[in-house]
Each structure stands twice: as structure tokens, then as C-alpha cells.
């Protein structure tokens, strides 16, 4: 039996993203040299949403890139020939930029490690900061988010599912538990 608990609805997600946008502006003292890179798949729409919120606040349009870290994963052999790759879309040079790397859920840190490698292959940013909608704990690597929408401590028997309207037709975050 699977039990789903909604922990964030559309309004909560929107409020979290608004807060993160303000925190990004405050920490970086404005928009100079800022750029967003969303990690496939749900980090991409979150990056676009954050960029749009900052544009609404500051009146400045920021560049947004899209990153597929599949080929950088340290567990690629688990996927075998089923792994699907998509092209990275970085319409700007990351060199000298303050890159805000965006993902939906921070868990072990392995996705972020792969994303850092991928970004560095495209240039040398001034700095990289991490924004995540959900931090669920259980780090295996020394990775910490700079901007967090919501901390949701989970057990290893639980999962987090993020649904975004751009991909799934709805906005919500669920804790999924499988009961025996």
C-alpha cells in the first residue's frame, strides 16, 4: 500500500520560490553577473520561474540554461543502455558568472556533484550557488544548498515526488511512503 501526503501545494511552492528569489537578490546584492542553470528535469522549470520572479522584482531579464547531467553521473552503469541524454542548453558563457544551480530535490548530493562537473566543463564561473525546492537530508557527499524552499526530513523508506505544471500539469510536492 502506498500512502501519499501532500506537503506543498501550488501556493506553498509559489511562496517558497518568491522567498528564494528575494534571498538570491539579497545575498548577491542585486542581479549583476547572475545566471540560472536548471538541472533536468524539474530543475529547469524552477530555474525559469525564479528568473521570472527576479525579472518582476528587479526589471532585469536573467539568462537561464538547461543542464542534463546524465553522462556525469557516477551510477550510469545502473541505467545501462536505457540512459537517455538530452543536449545541454547554455545560451551564455558561464565564465565570470554567479551561477545559481537549481534542482527540485536535494537528497544524497550525487546529482549536484555531477552538475558541478558539467558546469565546470562549460567554463569557470565566479561562483556557483545551489537553490532547491526541497531538502530531504541523507547526504552522502558534503553538499549543502544555499537556498531552500522547504526542509522535509525523510526516512529511507520515504520518497519525495515533485510535480510541476510545466511537466505534470499540476504543482505539488508529496511524501510517498510504501507500507507493507
N, C-alpha and C. Protein backbone atom coordinates (compact mmCIF):
# COMPACT_ATOMS: atom_id res chain seq x y z
N UNK A 1 0.84 -1.18 0.00
CA UNK A 1 0.00 0.00 0.00
C UNK A 1 0.89 1.24 0.00
N UNK A 2 0.59 2.22 -0.87
CA UNK A 2 1.34 3.46 -0.94
C UNK A 2 0.50 4.58 -0.36
N UNK A 3 1.13 5.36 0.52
CA UNK A 3 0.45 6.49 1.14
C UNK A 3 1.13 7.76 0.67
N UNK A 4 0.36 8.70 0.16
CA UNK A 4 0.87 9.99 -0.31
C UNK A 4 0.35 11.10 0.60
N UNK A 5 1.27 11.92 1.09
CA UNK A 5 0.89 13.10 1.86
C UNK A 5 1.34 14.33 1.10
N UNK A 6 0.41 15.24 0.83
CA UNK A 6 0.77 16.50 0.17
C UNK A 6 1.42 17.40 1.21
N UNK A 7 2.67 17.82 0.94
CA UNK A 7 3.38 18.70 1.87
C UNK A 7 3.51 20.12 1.33
N UNK A 8 3.31 20.29 0.02
CA UNK A 8 3.29 21.63 -0.57
C UNK A 8 2.29 21.63 -1.71
N UNK A 9 1.44 22.65 -1.73
CA UNK A 9 0.53 22.82 -2.86
C UNK A 9 1.05 23.95 -3.74
N UNK A 10 0.28 24.34 -4.73
CA UNK A 10 0.72 25.37 -5.67
C UNK A 10 1.07 26.68 -4.96
N UNK A 11 0.25 27.09 -4.01
CA UNK A 11 0.51 28.35 -3.28
C UNK A 11 1.79 28.27 -2.47
N UNK A 12 2.02 27.15 -1.80
CA UNK A 12 3.23 26.98 -0.99
C UNK A 12 4.48 26.99 -1.87
N UNK A 13 4.41 26.33 -3.02
CA UNK A 13 5.54 26.33 -3.94
C UNK A 13 5.83 27.75 -4.42
N UNK A 14 4.78 28.46 -4.79
CA UNK A 14 4.95 29.84 -5.27
C UNK A 14 5.55 30.74 -4.19
N UNK A 15 5.07 30.61 -2.96
CA UNK A 15 5.63 31.42 -1.86
C UNK A 15 7.09 31.09 -1.63
N UNK A 16 7.43 29.81 -1.68
CA UNK A 16 8.83 29.40 -1.49
C UNK A 16 9.73 29.97 -2.57
N UNK A 17 9.27 29.93 -3.81
CA UNK A 17 10.07 30.45 -4.92
C UNK A 17 10.21 31.97 -4.82
N UNK A 18 9.17 32.65 -4.37
CA UNK A 18 9.26 34.11 -4.17
C UNK A 18 10.29 34.43 -3.10
N UNK A 19 10.27 33.68 -2.00
CA UNK A 19 11.25 33.90 -0.94
C UNK A 19 12.67 33.62 -1.42
N UNK A 20 12.84 32.52 -2.14
CA UNK A 20 14.17 32.18 -2.67
C UNK A 20 14.67 33.28 -3.60
N UNK A 21 13.79 33.80 -4.46
CA UNK A 21 14.20 34.87 -5.38
C UNK A 21 14.70 36.09 -4.61
N UNK A 22 13.99 36.46 -3.55
CA UNK A 22 14.43 37.59 -2.73
C UNK A 22 15.76 37.29 -2.02
N UNK A 23 15.91 36.06 -1.54
CA UNK A 23 17.16 35.68 -0.87
C UNK A 23 18.34 35.71 -1.85
N UNK A 24 18.12 35.28 -3.08
CA UNK A 24 19.17 35.31 -4.10
C UNK A 24 19.59 36.76 -4.35
N UNK A 25 18.63 37.64 -4.50
CA UNK A 25 18.94 39.05 -4.74
C UNK A 25 19.69 39.66 -3.56
N UNK A 26 19.25 39.33 -2.36
CA UNK A 26 19.90 39.88 -1.17
C UNK A 26 21.33 39.37 -1.04
N UNK A 27 21.52 38.08 -1.17
CA UNK A 27 22.86 37.52 -0.99
C UNK A 27 23.83 38.00 -2.06
N UNK A 28 23.33 38.20 -3.28
CA UNK A 28 24.19 38.60 -4.39
C UNK A 28 24.19 40.10 -4.63
N UNK A 29 23.51 40.84 -3.77
CA UNK A 29 23.45 42.31 -3.86
C UNK A 29 22.97 42.77 -5.23
N UNK A 30 21.90 42.15 -5.71
CA UNK A 30 21.34 42.52 -7.00
C UNK A 30 21.51 41.42 -8.04
N UNK A 31 21.48 41.84 -9.30
CA UNK A 31 21.45 40.88 -10.40
C UNK A 31 22.73 40.84 -11.23
N UNK A 32 23.73 41.64 -10.88
CA UNK A 32 24.96 41.68 -11.68
C UNK A 32 25.60 40.30 -11.79
N UNK A 33 25.82 39.87 -13.02
CA UNK A 33 26.51 38.63 -13.37
C UNK A 33 25.75 37.36 -12.96
N UNK A 34 24.47 37.49 -12.59
CA UNK A 34 23.68 36.30 -12.22
C UNK A 34 23.21 35.55 -13.45
N UNK A 35 23.18 34.23 -13.33
CA UNK A 35 22.61 33.36 -14.37
C UNK A 35 22.07 32.11 -13.68
N UNK A 36 21.00 31.57 -14.22
CA UNK A 36 20.39 30.36 -13.66
C UNK A 36 20.68 29.18 -14.57
N UNK A 37 20.90 28.03 -13.95
CA UNK A 37 21.01 26.77 -14.70
C UNK A 37 20.13 25.75 -13.98
N UNK A 38 19.11 25.27 -14.69
CA UNK A 38 18.23 24.26 -14.14
C UNK A 38 18.71 22.87 -14.51
N UNK A 39 18.64 21.96 -13.54
CA UNK A 39 19.03 20.57 -13.77
C UNK A 39 17.80 19.80 -14.24
N UNK A 40 17.98 19.09 -15.36
CA UNK A 40 16.91 18.29 -15.92
C UNK A 40 16.41 17.30 -14.89
N UNK A 41 15.17 17.11 -14.67
CA UNK A 41 14.13 17.67 -15.50
C UNK A 41 13.37 18.79 -14.77
N UNK A 42 13.04 18.60 -13.49
CA UNK A 42 12.21 19.61 -12.83
C UNK A 42 12.98 20.83 -12.34
N UNK A 43 14.29 20.78 -12.34
CA UNK A 43 15.07 21.97 -12.02
C UNK A 43 14.96 23.03 -13.10
N UNK A 44 14.68 22.59 -14.32
CA UNK A 44 14.59 23.54 -15.44
C UNK A 44 13.41 24.49 -15.29
N UNK A 45 12.17 23.99 -15.10
CA UNK A 45 11.08 24.95 -14.91
C UNK A 45 11.23 25.79 -13.64
N UNK A 46 11.84 25.22 -12.60
CA UNK A 46 12.07 26.01 -11.39
C UNK A 46 13.04 27.15 -11.65
N UNK A 47 14.09 26.89 -12.44
CA UNK A 47 15.04 27.96 -12.80
C UNK A 47 14.34 29.06 -13.58
N UNK A 48 13.49 28.69 -14.53
CA UNK A 48 12.75 29.69 -15.31
C UNK A 48 11.81 30.49 -14.42
N UNK A 49 11.16 29.82 -13.47
CA UNK A 49 10.26 30.54 -12.56
C UNK A 49 11.02 31.53 -11.69
N UNK A 50 12.18 31.12 -11.18
CA UNK A 50 12.99 32.03 -10.36
C UNK A 50 13.46 33.23 -11.17
N UNK A 51 13.90 32.98 -12.39
CA UNK A 51 14.34 34.09 -13.25
C UNK A 51 13.19 35.05 -13.52
N UNK A 52 11.99 34.51 -13.72
CA UNK A 52 10.82 35.36 -13.98
C UNK A 52 10.46 36.18 -12.74
N UNK A 53 10.55 35.56 -11.56
CA UNK A 53 10.26 36.30 -10.33
C UNK A 53 11.26 37.45 -10.13
N UNK A 54 12.52 37.17 -10.40
CA UNK A 54 13.53 38.23 -10.27
C UNK A 54 13.29 39.33 -11.30
N UNK A 55 12.87 38.96 -12.49
CA UNK A 55 12.55 39.97 -13.50
C UNK A 55 11.39 40.84 -13.03
N UNK A 56 10.39 40.24 -12.38
CA UNK A 56 9.26 41.00 -11.87
C UNK A 56 9.69 41.94 -10.74
N UNK A 57 10.64 41.51 -9.92
CA UNK A 57 11.11 42.31 -8.78
C UNK A 57 12.04 43.43 -9.24
N UNK A 58 13.03 43.07 -10.08
CA UNK A 58 14.11 43.99 -10.44
C UNK A 58 13.99 44.61 -11.83
N UNK A 59 13.12 44.05 -12.67
CA UNK A 59 13.01 44.55 -14.03
C UNK A 59 14.18 44.15 -14.92
N UNK A 60 14.90 43.10 -14.51
CA UNK A 60 16.07 42.63 -15.25
C UNK A 60 15.84 41.19 -15.69
N UNK A 61 16.04 40.94 -16.98
CA UNK A 61 15.92 39.58 -17.50
C UNK A 61 17.27 38.87 -17.36
N UNK A 62 17.26 37.73 -16.70
CA UNK A 62 18.49 36.98 -16.47
C UNK A 62 18.56 35.75 -17.38
N UNK A 63 19.77 35.34 -17.78
CA UNK A 63 19.90 34.16 -18.63
C UNK A 63 19.59 32.88 -17.84
N UNK A 64 18.98 31.94 -18.56
CA UNK A 64 18.64 30.64 -17.97
C UNK A 64 19.17 29.56 -18.89
N UNK A 65 19.88 28.60 -18.30
CA UNK A 65 20.38 27.46 -19.05
C UNK A 65 19.77 26.18 -18.55
N UNK A 66 19.90 25.14 -19.37
CA UNK A 66 19.35 23.82 -19.04
C UNK A 66 20.46 22.80 -19.10
N UNK A 67 20.55 21.96 -18.05
CA UNK A 67 21.65 21.03 -17.91
C UNK A 67 21.14 19.60 -17.73
N UNK A 68 21.65 18.70 -18.55
CA UNK A 68 21.40 17.27 -18.39
C UNK A 68 22.68 16.66 -17.85
N UNK A 69 22.63 16.12 -16.65
CA UNK A 69 23.84 15.60 -16.01
C UNK A 69 23.99 14.09 -16.17
N UNK A 70 23.17 13.49 -17.00
CA UNK A 70 23.17 12.03 -17.13
C UNK A 70 24.57 11.47 -17.38
N UNK A 71 25.31 12.04 -18.29
CA UNK A 71 26.63 11.49 -18.62
C UNK A 71 27.67 11.75 -17.53
N UNK A 72 27.34 12.57 -16.53
CA UNK A 72 28.26 12.88 -15.44
C UNK A 72 27.97 12.06 -14.18
N UNK A 73 26.92 11.27 -14.21
CA UNK A 73 26.53 10.52 -13.02
C UNK A 73 27.54 9.43 -12.70
N UNK A 74 27.70 9.14 -11.41
CA UNK A 74 28.62 8.08 -11.01
C UNK A 74 27.92 6.72 -10.92
N UNK A 75 26.62 6.70 -11.24
CA UNK A 75 25.87 5.44 -11.22
C UNK A 75 25.28 5.11 -12.59
N UNK A 76 25.90 5.63 -13.65
CA UNK A 76 25.38 5.45 -15.00
C UNK A 76 25.26 3.99 -15.39
N UNK A 77 26.16 3.16 -14.87
CA UNK A 77 26.12 1.74 -15.22
C UNK A 77 24.82 1.07 -14.77
N UNK A 78 24.16 1.63 -13.76
CA UNK A 78 22.88 1.10 -13.30
C UNK A 78 21.79 1.28 -14.36
N UNK A 79 21.93 2.30 -15.20
CA UNK A 79 20.94 2.58 -16.22
C UNK A 79 21.22 1.82 -17.52
N UNK A 80 22.47 1.38 -17.69
CA UNK A 80 22.86 0.64 -18.90
C UNK A 80 22.55 1.42 -20.15
N UNK A 81 22.04 0.75 -21.16
CA UNK A 81 21.74 1.40 -22.43
C UNK A 81 20.42 2.16 -22.39
N UNK A 82 19.71 2.11 -21.26
CA UNK A 82 18.43 2.80 -21.15
C UNK A 82 18.59 4.29 -20.85
N UNK A 83 19.79 4.70 -20.48
CA UNK A 83 20.01 6.10 -20.14
C UNK A 83 19.72 6.99 -21.35
N UNK A 84 18.93 8.02 -21.13
CA UNK A 84 18.59 8.96 -22.19
C UNK A 84 19.32 10.27 -21.93
N UNK A 85 19.95 10.78 -22.96
CA UNK A 85 20.68 12.03 -22.87
C UNK A 85 19.94 13.10 -23.65
N UNK A 86 19.96 14.32 -23.13
CA UNK A 86 19.45 15.44 -23.92
C UNK A 86 20.54 16.51 -23.95
N UNK A 87 20.47 17.32 -24.94
CA UNK A 87 21.51 18.34 -25.13
C UNK A 87 21.41 19.41 -24.04
N UNK A 88 22.56 19.85 -23.57
CA UNK A 88 22.60 20.98 -22.65
C UNK A 88 22.33 22.25 -23.43
N UNK A 89 21.55 23.13 -22.85
CA UNK A 89 21.24 24.41 -23.49
C UNK A 89 21.75 25.51 -22.58
N UNK A 90 22.96 25.95 -22.85
CA UNK A 90 23.55 27.05 -22.09
C UNK A 90 23.80 28.20 -23.06
N UNK A 91 22.81 29.09 -23.18
CA UNK A 91 22.91 30.18 -24.17
C UNK A 91 23.79 31.34 -23.70
N UNK A 92 24.70 31.06 -22.78
CA UNK A 92 25.60 32.09 -22.26
C UNK A 92 26.87 31.40 -21.80
N UNK A 93 27.92 32.19 -21.71
CA UNK A 93 29.21 31.71 -21.20
C UNK A 93 29.15 31.78 -19.68
N UNK A 94 29.44 30.67 -19.01
CA UNK A 94 29.38 30.67 -17.54
C UNK A 94 30.59 31.35 -16.91
N UNK A 95 31.64 31.57 -17.66
CA UNK A 95 32.85 32.19 -17.12
C UNK A 95 32.53 33.57 -16.55
N UNK A 96 32.91 33.75 -15.28
CA UNK A 96 32.70 35.03 -14.62
C UNK A 96 31.30 35.24 -14.07
N UNK A 97 30.40 34.30 -14.29
CA UNK A 97 29.02 34.44 -13.81
C UNK A 97 28.87 33.93 -12.38
N UNK A 98 27.87 34.46 -11.71
CA UNK A 98 27.39 33.90 -10.45
C UNK A 98 26.26 32.96 -10.84
N UNK A 99 26.58 31.68 -10.93
CA UNK A 99 25.61 30.68 -11.40
C UNK A 99 24.77 30.20 -10.23
N UNK A 100 23.45 30.26 -10.43
CA UNK A 100 22.53 29.68 -9.47
C UNK A 100 22.07 28.36 -10.08
N UNK A 101 22.55 27.26 -9.53
CA UNK A 101 22.19 25.92 -9.97
C UNK A 101 20.88 25.57 -9.28
N UNK A 102 19.88 25.11 -10.05
CA UNK A 102 18.55 24.89 -9.50
C UNK A 102 18.11 23.44 -9.71
N UNK A 103 17.61 22.82 -8.63
CA UNK A 103 17.07 21.47 -8.72
C UNK A 103 15.83 21.39 -7.84
N UNK A 104 15.05 20.32 -8.04
CA UNK A 104 13.83 20.18 -7.26
C UNK A 104 14.09 19.60 -5.88
N UNK A 105 14.85 18.49 -5.80
CA UNK A 105 15.07 17.82 -4.52
C UNK A 105 16.56 17.59 -4.30
N UNK A 106 17.05 17.95 -3.14
CA UNK A 106 18.41 17.63 -2.73
C UNK A 106 18.33 16.44 -1.79
N UNK A 107 19.01 15.36 -2.16
CA UNK A 107 18.96 14.12 -1.40
C UNK A 107 20.38 13.71 -1.03
N UNK A 108 21.02 12.85 -1.77
CA UNK A 108 22.36 12.36 -1.43
C UNK A 108 23.45 13.36 -1.79
N UNK A 109 23.19 14.23 -2.75
CA UNK A 109 24.18 15.18 -3.21
C UNK A 109 24.87 14.74 -4.49
N UNK A 110 24.62 13.53 -4.95
CA UNK A 110 25.30 12.99 -6.13
C UNK A 110 24.88 13.70 -7.42
N UNK A 111 23.63 14.07 -7.54
CA UNK A 111 23.18 14.82 -8.72
C UNK A 111 23.88 16.17 -8.78
N UNK A 112 24.00 16.82 -7.64
CA UNK A 112 24.64 18.13 -7.60
C UNK A 112 26.13 18.02 -7.92
N UNK A 113 26.78 16.98 -7.42
CA UNK A 113 28.19 16.76 -7.74
C UNK A 113 28.36 16.62 -9.25
N UNK A 114 27.49 15.86 -9.87
CA UNK A 114 27.54 15.69 -11.32
C UNK A 114 27.29 17.02 -12.03
N UNK A 115 26.34 17.80 -11.53
CA UNK A 115 26.02 19.09 -12.14
C UNK A 115 27.20 20.06 -12.03
N UNK A 116 27.89 20.04 -10.90
CA UNK A 116 29.07 20.90 -10.74
C UNK A 116 30.13 20.56 -11.78
N UNK A 117 30.35 19.26 -11.99
CA UNK A 117 31.31 18.83 -13.02
C UNK A 117 30.88 19.33 -14.40
N UNK A 118 29.59 19.20 -14.69
CA UNK A 118 29.08 19.61 -16.00
C UNK A 118 29.23 21.11 -16.21
N UNK A 119 28.91 21.90 -15.19
CA UNK A 119 29.04 23.36 -15.30
C UNK A 119 30.50 23.74 -15.53
N UNK A 120 31.40 23.12 -14.78
CA UNK A 120 32.82 23.46 -14.90
C UNK A 120 33.37 23.08 -16.28
N UNK A 121 32.77 22.12 -16.94
CA UNK A 121 33.19 21.77 -18.30
C UNK A 121 32.80 22.86 -19.31
N UNK A 122 31.92 23.78 -18.89
CA UNK A 122 31.47 24.86 -19.78
C UNK A 122 32.15 26.20 -19.48
N UNK A 123 33.08 26.22 -18.54
CA UNK A 123 33.77 27.46 -18.21
C UNK A 123 34.05 27.55 -16.72
N UNK A 124 34.51 28.73 -16.31
CA UNK A 124 34.85 28.92 -14.90
C UNK A 124 34.01 30.04 -14.32
N UNK A 125 32.91 29.67 -13.66
CA UNK A 125 32.07 30.70 -13.05
C UNK A 125 32.78 31.40 -11.90
N UNK A 126 32.32 32.61 -11.63
CA UNK A 126 32.83 33.33 -10.46
C UNK A 126 32.48 32.56 -9.19
N UNK A 127 31.26 32.03 -9.16
CA UNK A 127 30.80 31.21 -8.04
C UNK A 127 29.59 30.40 -8.50
N UNK A 128 29.30 29.34 -7.77
CA UNK A 128 28.11 28.54 -8.01
C UNK A 128 27.36 28.45 -6.69
N UNK A 129 26.09 28.79 -6.73
CA UNK A 129 25.22 28.66 -5.57
C UNK A 129 24.12 27.67 -5.92
N UNK A 130 23.57 27.00 -4.91
CA UNK A 130 22.57 25.97 -5.13
C UNK A 130 21.24 26.37 -4.53
N UNK A 131 20.19 26.32 -5.37
CA UNK A 131 18.82 26.56 -4.92
C UNK A 131 18.01 25.29 -5.17
N UNK A 132 17.33 24.82 -4.13
CA UNK A 132 16.49 23.63 -4.26
C UNK A 132 15.12 23.91 -3.67
N UNK A 133 14.11 23.29 -4.25
CA UNK A 133 12.77 23.42 -3.69
C UNK A 133 12.66 22.64 -2.39
N UNK A 134 13.22 21.41 -2.37
CA UNK A 134 13.12 20.53 -1.21
C UNK A 134 14.50 20.01 -0.82
N UNK A 135 14.82 20.08 0.47
CA UNK A 135 16.00 19.40 1.00
C UNK A 135 15.48 18.30 1.92
N UNK A 136 15.74 17.05 1.55
CA UNK A 136 15.20 15.93 2.32
C UNK A 136 16.24 15.24 3.18
N UNK A 137 17.49 15.75 3.20
CA UNK A 137 18.52 15.15 4.03
C UNK A 137 19.17 13.94 3.38
N UNK A 138 19.87 13.15 4.19
CA UNK A 138 20.52 11.90 3.77
C UNK A 138 21.71 12.12 2.84
N UNK A 139 22.50 13.14 3.08
CA UNK A 139 23.65 13.44 2.23
C UNK A 139 24.69 12.34 2.29
N UNK A 140 25.23 12.01 1.12
CA UNK A 140 26.37 11.09 1.00
C UNK A 140 27.64 11.86 0.64
N UNK A 141 27.47 13.09 0.22
CA UNK A 141 28.59 13.96 -0.16
C UNK A 141 28.44 15.29 0.59
N UNK A 142 29.54 16.02 0.79
CA UNK A 142 29.46 17.28 1.53
C UNK A 142 28.91 18.42 0.68
N UNK A 143 27.61 18.34 0.41
CA UNK A 143 26.93 19.33 -0.43
C UNK A 143 25.82 19.96 0.41
N UNK A 144 25.72 21.28 0.35
CA UNK A 144 24.69 22.00 1.10
C UNK A 144 24.07 23.05 0.20
N UNK A 145 22.75 23.17 0.26
CA UNK A 145 22.06 24.17 -0.55
C UNK A 145 22.21 25.55 0.08
N UNK A 146 22.32 26.56 -0.78
CA UNK A 146 22.35 27.95 -0.33
C UNK A 146 20.96 28.51 -0.12
N UNK A 147 20.01 28.01 -0.93
CA UNK A 147 18.63 28.49 -0.89
C UNK A 147 17.71 27.28 -0.90
N UNK A 148 16.83 27.19 0.10
CA UNK A 148 15.97 26.01 0.27
C UNK A 148 14.53 26.47 0.40
N UNK A 149 13.66 25.87 -0.41
CA UNK A 149 12.24 26.16 -0.29
C UNK A 149 11.66 25.58 0.98
N UNK A 150 11.94 24.30 1.23
CA UNK A 150 11.40 23.63 2.42
C UNK A 150 12.30 22.45 2.78
N UNK A 151 12.61 22.34 4.06
CA UNK A 151 13.31 21.16 4.58
C UNK A 151 12.27 20.12 4.95
N UNK A 152 12.40 18.93 4.39
CA UNK A 152 11.47 17.84 4.70
C UNK A 152 12.31 16.62 5.07
N UNK A 153 12.60 16.45 6.36
CA UNK A 153 13.35 15.26 6.77
C UNK A 153 12.54 14.00 6.43
N UNK A 154 13.21 13.05 5.84
CA UNK A 154 12.53 11.81 5.44
C UNK A 154 13.32 10.61 5.94
N UNK A 155 12.64 9.48 5.98
CA UNK A 155 13.34 8.22 6.24
C UNK A 155 13.76 7.66 4.88
N UNK A 156 14.57 6.62 4.92
CA UNK A 156 14.97 5.98 3.67
C UNK A 156 13.82 5.20 3.04
N UNK A 157 12.74 5.00 3.80
CA UNK A 157 11.57 4.29 3.28
C UNK A 157 10.57 5.24 2.62
N UNK A 158 10.89 6.53 2.66
CA UNK A 158 10.02 7.53 2.07
C UNK A 158 10.66 8.13 0.84
N UNK A 159 9.84 8.66 -0.02
CA UNK A 159 10.33 9.37 -1.19
C UNK A 159 9.63 10.70 -1.30
N UNK A 160 10.22 11.60 -2.06
CA UNK A 160 9.62 12.90 -2.34
C UNK A 160 9.30 12.94 -3.83
N UNK A 161 8.08 13.29 -4.17
CA UNK A 161 7.71 13.47 -5.56
C UNK A 161 7.29 14.92 -5.76
N UNK A 162 7.95 15.57 -6.72
CA UNK A 162 7.63 16.96 -7.06
C UNK A 162 6.91 16.95 -8.40
N UNK A 163 5.77 17.59 -8.43
CA UNK A 163 5.00 17.74 -9.66
C UNK A 163 4.95 19.23 -10.00
N UNK A 164 5.30 19.55 -11.24
CA UNK A 164 5.26 20.94 -11.70
C UNK A 164 4.38 21.03 -12.93
N UNK A 165 3.63 22.12 -13.02
CA UNK A 165 2.64 22.27 -14.09
C UNK A 165 3.26 22.18 -15.48
N UNK A 166 4.49 22.67 -15.65
CA UNK A 166 5.13 22.65 -16.97
C UNK A 166 5.36 21.22 -17.47
N UNK A 167 5.51 20.28 -16.57
CA UNK A 167 5.78 18.89 -16.94
C UNK A 167 4.59 17.98 -16.63
N UNK A 168 3.98 18.19 -15.45
CA UNK A 168 2.97 17.27 -14.93
C UNK A 168 1.55 17.80 -14.94
N UNK A 169 1.37 19.08 -15.26
CA UNK A 169 0.02 19.65 -15.28
C UNK A 169 -0.48 20.13 -13.94
N UNK A 170 0.29 19.96 -12.88
CA UNK A 170 -0.11 20.41 -11.55
C UNK A 170 1.14 20.75 -10.74
N UNK A 171 0.96 21.56 -9.70
CA UNK A 171 2.06 21.91 -8.80
C UNK A 171 1.76 21.34 -7.42
N UNK A 172 2.60 20.39 -6.99
CA UNK A 172 2.51 19.89 -5.63
C UNK A 172 3.73 19.04 -5.29
N UNK A 173 3.97 18.92 -4.00
CA UNK A 173 5.06 18.08 -3.50
C UNK A 173 4.43 17.06 -2.56
N UNK A 174 4.79 15.80 -2.77
CA UNK A 174 4.25 14.71 -1.96
C UNK A 174 5.37 13.96 -1.25
N UNK A 175 5.07 13.50 -0.03
CA UNK A 175 5.89 12.47 0.59
C UNK A 175 5.19 11.16 0.29
N UNK A 176 5.95 10.22 -0.26
CA UNK A 176 5.38 8.92 -0.63
C UNK A 176 5.98 7.87 0.30
N UNK A 177 5.11 7.15 0.97
CA UNK A 177 5.53 6.06 1.86
C UNK A 177 4.95 4.76 1.32
N UNK A 178 5.75 3.73 1.33
CA UNK A 178 5.25 2.42 0.96
C UNK A 178 5.11 1.61 2.24
N UNK A 179 3.90 1.25 2.54
CA UNK A 179 3.61 0.46 3.74
C UNK A 179 3.48 -1.01 3.33
N UNK A 180 3.99 -1.91 4.16
CA UNK A 180 3.87 -3.35 3.82
C UNK A 180 2.45 -3.85 3.93
